[in-house]
Amino acid sequence: MSIPRSCPPTDVVAADFTEQAGLFKALGDPHRLTILATLARSESDVCVCDFTAGLPLNQPTVSHHLKILRDANLVAARRRGTWVYYTLAADVRRRMGAALGSVLPKKVLV
């Protein structure tokens, strides 16, 4: 006698979510979310030194978090002399929505 399953197996495999996992991992830190929120509200590029004034982190730690966000293509960096300025990546909102939508079907999101 077989036991009925409430959640039948599907063709979903972990390898299908490698890109999404990298994106969510980059988003999985409160300081990185604060950095993204700051960039989203800023009308111009933001320097690392500006983040250190508003976060309880030193400059190397802020730079480390920005590198993780840059590697995930969530922020863009532009060098001006010795300073590096950051903005949100052009497609960050679309990519975040697409990543969430690919993991959670619409019927779950409603």
C-alpha atoms as a PDB file:
ATOM      1  CA  MET A   1       0.000   0.000   0.000  1.00  0.00           C
ATOM      2  CA  SER A   2       1.438   3.334  -1.011  1.00  0.00           C
ATOM      3  CA  ILE A   3       1.092   6.456   1.067  1.00  0.00           C
ATOM      4  CA  PRO A   4      -0.275   9.431  -0.885  1.00  0.00           C
ATOM      5  CA  ARG A   5       2.036  12.412  -0.995  1.00  0.00           C
ATOM      6  CA  SER A   6       0.780  15.894  -0.339  1.00  0.00           C
ATOM      7  CA  CYS A   7       3.686  17.352  -2.283  1.00  0.00           C
ATOM      8  CA  PRO A   8       4.484  15.205  -5.305  1.00  0.00           C
ATOM      9  CA  PRO A   9       8.046  15.228  -6.649  1.00  0.00           C
ATOM     10  CA  THR A  10       8.622  17.628  -9.488  1.00  0.00           C
ATOM     11  CA  ASP A  11      11.320  18.297 -12.015  1.00  0.00           C
ATOM     12  CA  VAL A  12      12.774  21.082  -9.844  1.00  0.00           C
ATOM     13  CA  VAL A  13      16.439  20.502  -9.028  1.00  0.00           C
ATOM     14  CA  ALA A  14      18.844  22.584  -6.960  1.00  0.00           C
ATOM     15  CA  ALA A  15      21.148  23.227  -9.917  1.00  0.00           C
ATOM     16  CA  ASP A  16      18.377  25.241 -11.543  1.00  0.00           C
ATOM     17  CA  PHE A  17      18.726  27.852  -8.795  1.00  0.00           C
ATOM     18  CA  THR A  18      22.474  28.487  -8.737  1.00  0.00           C
ATOM     19  CA  GLU A  19      22.170  32.069  -9.985  1.00  0.00           C
ATOM     20  CA  GLN A  20      19.260  32.861  -7.690  1.00  0.00           C
ATOM     21  CA  ALA A  21      21.111  31.402  -4.686  1.00  0.00           C
ATOM     22  CA  GLY A  22      24.077  33.665  -5.385  1.00  0.00           C
ATOM     23  CA  LEU A  23      21.800  36.681  -5.574  1.00  0.00           C
ATOM     24  CA  PHE A  24      19.948  35.780  -2.374  1.00  0.00           C
ATOM     25  CA  LYS A  25      23.242  35.064  -0.600  1.00  0.00           C
ATOM     26  CA  ALA A  26      24.471  38.550  -1.514  1.00  0.00           C
ATOM     27  CA  LEU A  27      21.213  39.977  -0.148  1.00  0.00           C
ATOM     28  CA  GLY A  28      21.408  37.888   3.025  1.00  0.00           C
ATOM     29  CA  ASP A  29      23.197  40.402   5.213  1.00  0.00           C
ATOM     30  CA  PRO A  30      21.575  43.380   6.982  1.00  0.00           C
ATOM     31  CA  HIS A  31      24.527  45.659   6.199  1.00  0.00           C
ATOM     32  CA  ARG A  32      24.380  44.821   2.486  1.00  0.00           C
ATOM     33  CA  LEU A  33      20.631  45.471   2.489  1.00  0.00           C
ATOM     34  CA  THR A  34      21.324  48.823   4.158  1.00  0.00           C
ATOM     35  CA  ILE A  35      23.873  49.616   1.448  1.00  0.00           C
ATOM     36  CA  LEU A  36      21.361  48.732  -1.294  1.00  0.00           C
ATOM     37  CA  ALA A  37      18.617  50.780   0.382  1.00  0.00           C
ATOM     38  CA  THR A  38      20.983  53.738   0.667  1.00  0.00           C
ATOM     39  CA  LEU A  39      21.898  53.503  -3.013  1.00  0.00           C
ATOM     40  CA  ALA A  40      18.230  53.202  -3.993  1.00  0.00           C
ATOM     41  CA  ARG A  41      17.439  56.436  -2.144  1.00  0.00           C
ATOM     42  CA  SER A  42      20.485  58.357  -3.323  1.00  0.00           C
ATOM     43  CA  GLU A  43      20.242  60.840  -6.169  1.00  0.00           C
ATOM     44  CA  SER A  44      23.928  60.441  -7.026  1.00  0.00           C
ATOM     45  CA  ASP A  45      26.799  57.981  -6.762  1.00  0.00           C
ATOM     46  CA  VAL A  46      27.894  57.105  -3.228  1.00  0.00           C
ATOM     47  CA  CYS A  47      31.495  56.787  -2.063  1.00  0.00           C
ATOM     48  CA  VAL A  48      32.692  54.127   0.386  1.00  0.00           C
ATOM     49  CA  CYS A  49      33.531  56.921   2.829  1.00  0.00           C
ATOM     50  CA  ASP A  50      29.853  57.954   2.829  1.00  0.00           C
ATOM     51  CA  PHE A  51      28.801  54.446   3.874  1.00  0.00           C
ATOM     52  CA  THR A  52      31.289  54.284   6.738  1.00  0.00           C
ATOM     53  CA  ALA A  53      29.696  57.385   8.251  1.00  0.00           C
ATOM     54  CA  GLY A  54      26.280  55.693   8.398  1.00  0.00           C
ATOM     55  CA  LEU A  55      27.212  52.097   9.198  1.00  0.00           C
ATOM     56  CA  PRO A  56      28.905  50.659  12.292  1.00  0.00           C
ATOM     57  CA  LEU A  57      31.616  49.258  10.009  1.00  0.00           C
ATOM     58  CA  ASN A  58      35.121  50.316   9.078  1.00  0.00           C
ATOM     59  CA  GLN A  59      36.130  51.107   5.496  1.00  0.00           C
ATOM     60  CA  PRO A  60      37.666  47.689   4.667  1.00  0.00           C
ATOM     61  CA  THR A  61      34.506  45.912   5.855  1.00  0.00           C
ATOM     62  CA  VAL A  62      32.254  48.218   3.830  1.00  0.00           C
ATOM     63  CA  SER A  63      34.480  47.623   0.791  1.00  0.00           C
ATOM     64  CA  HIS A  64      34.165  43.861   1.351  1.00  0.00           C
ATOM     65  CA  HIS A  65      30.354  44.095   1.402  1.00  0.00           C
ATOM     66  CA  LEU A  66      30.394  46.255  -1.736  1.00  0.00           C
ATOM     67  CA  LYS A  67      32.590  43.679  -3.492  1.00  0.00           C
ATOM     68  CA  ILE A  68      30.047  40.958  -2.712  1.00  0.00           C
ATOM     69  CA  LEU A  69      27.264  43.158  -4.105  1.00  0.00           C
ATOM     70  CA  ARG A  70      29.394  43.989  -7.149  1.00  0.00           C
ATOM     71  CA  ASP A  71      30.179  40.301  -7.772  1.00  0.00           C
ATOM     72  CA  ALA A  72      26.432  39.594  -7.696  1.00  0.00           C
ATOM     73  CA  ASN A  73      25.907  42.424 -10.224  1.00  0.00           C
ATOM     74  CA  LEU A  74      23.693  44.303  -7.796  1.00  0.00           C
ATOM     75  CA  VAL A  75      25.801  47.463  -7.778  1.00  0.00           C
ATOM     76  CA  ALA A  76      27.991  49.208 -10.314  1.00  0.00           C
ATOM     77  CA  ALA A  77      31.272  50.902  -9.451  1.00  0.00           C
ATOM     78  CA  ARG A  78      33.012  53.829 -11.095  1.00  0.00           C
ATOM     79  CA  ARG A  79      36.461  55.095 -10.169  1.00  0.00           C
ATOM     80  CA  ARG A  80      37.113  58.832  -9.959  1.00  0.00           C
ATOM     81  CA  GLY A  81      40.746  59.397  -9.119  1.00  0.00           C
ATOM     82  CA  THR A  82      41.488  57.462  -5.954  1.00  0.00           C
ATOM     83  CA  TRP A  83      37.825  57.133  -4.944  1.00  0.00           C
ATOM     84  CA  VAL A  84      35.294  54.527  -6.054  1.00  0.00           C
ATOM     85  CA  TYR A  85      31.645  55.542  -6.301  1.00  0.00           C
ATOM     86  CA  TYR A  86      28.726  53.122  -6.340  1.00  0.00           C
ATOM     87  CA  THR A  87      25.224  53.060  -7.797  1.00  0.00           C
ATOM     88  CA  LEU A  88      22.568  50.388  -8.084  1.00  0.00           C
ATOM     89  CA  ALA A  89      22.991  48.215 -11.154  1.00  0.00           C
ATOM     90  CA  ALA A  90      20.606  49.306 -13.899  1.00  0.00           C
ATOM     91  CA  ASP A  91      18.550  46.099 -13.827  1.00  0.00           C
ATOM     92  CA  VAL A  92      18.693  45.286 -10.104  1.00  0.00           C
ATOM     93  CA  ARG A  93      14.947  45.537  -9.433  1.00  0.00           C
ATOM     94  CA  ARG A  94      14.084  43.397 -12.441  1.00  0.00           C
ATOM     95  CA  ARG A  95      16.689  40.754 -11.528  1.00  0.00           C
ATOM     96  CA  MET A  96      15.540  40.574  -7.911  1.00  0.00           C
ATOM     97  CA  GLY A  97      11.916  40.193  -8.968  1.00  0.00           C
ATOM     98  CA  ALA A  98      12.781  37.576 -11.575  1.00  0.00           C
ATOM     99  CA  ALA A  99      14.862  35.593  -9.074  1.00  0.00           C
ATOM    100  CA  LEU A 100      12.056  35.551  -6.524  1.00  0.00           C
ATOM    101  CA  GLY A 101       9.464  34.737  -9.184  1.00  0.00           C
ATOM    102  CA  SER A 102      11.494  31.800 -10.480  1.00  0.00           C
ATOM    103  CA  VAL A 103      11.722  30.254  -7.016  1.00  0.00           C
ATOM    104  CA  LEU A 104       8.181  30.970  -5.828  1.00  0.00           C
ATOM    105  CA  PRO A 105       5.407  30.437  -8.356  1.00  0.00           C
ATOM    106  CA  LYS A 106       2.757  33.119  -8.685  1.00  0.00           C
ATOM    107  CA  LYS A 107       0.171  31.110  -6.768  1.00  0.00           C
ATOM    108  CA  VAL A 108       2.501  31.197  -3.741  1.00  0.00           C
ATOM    109  CA  LEU A 109       3.170  34.940  -4.060  1.00  0.00           C
ATOM    110  CA  VAL A 110      -0.505  35.914  -4.084  1.00  0.00           C
END
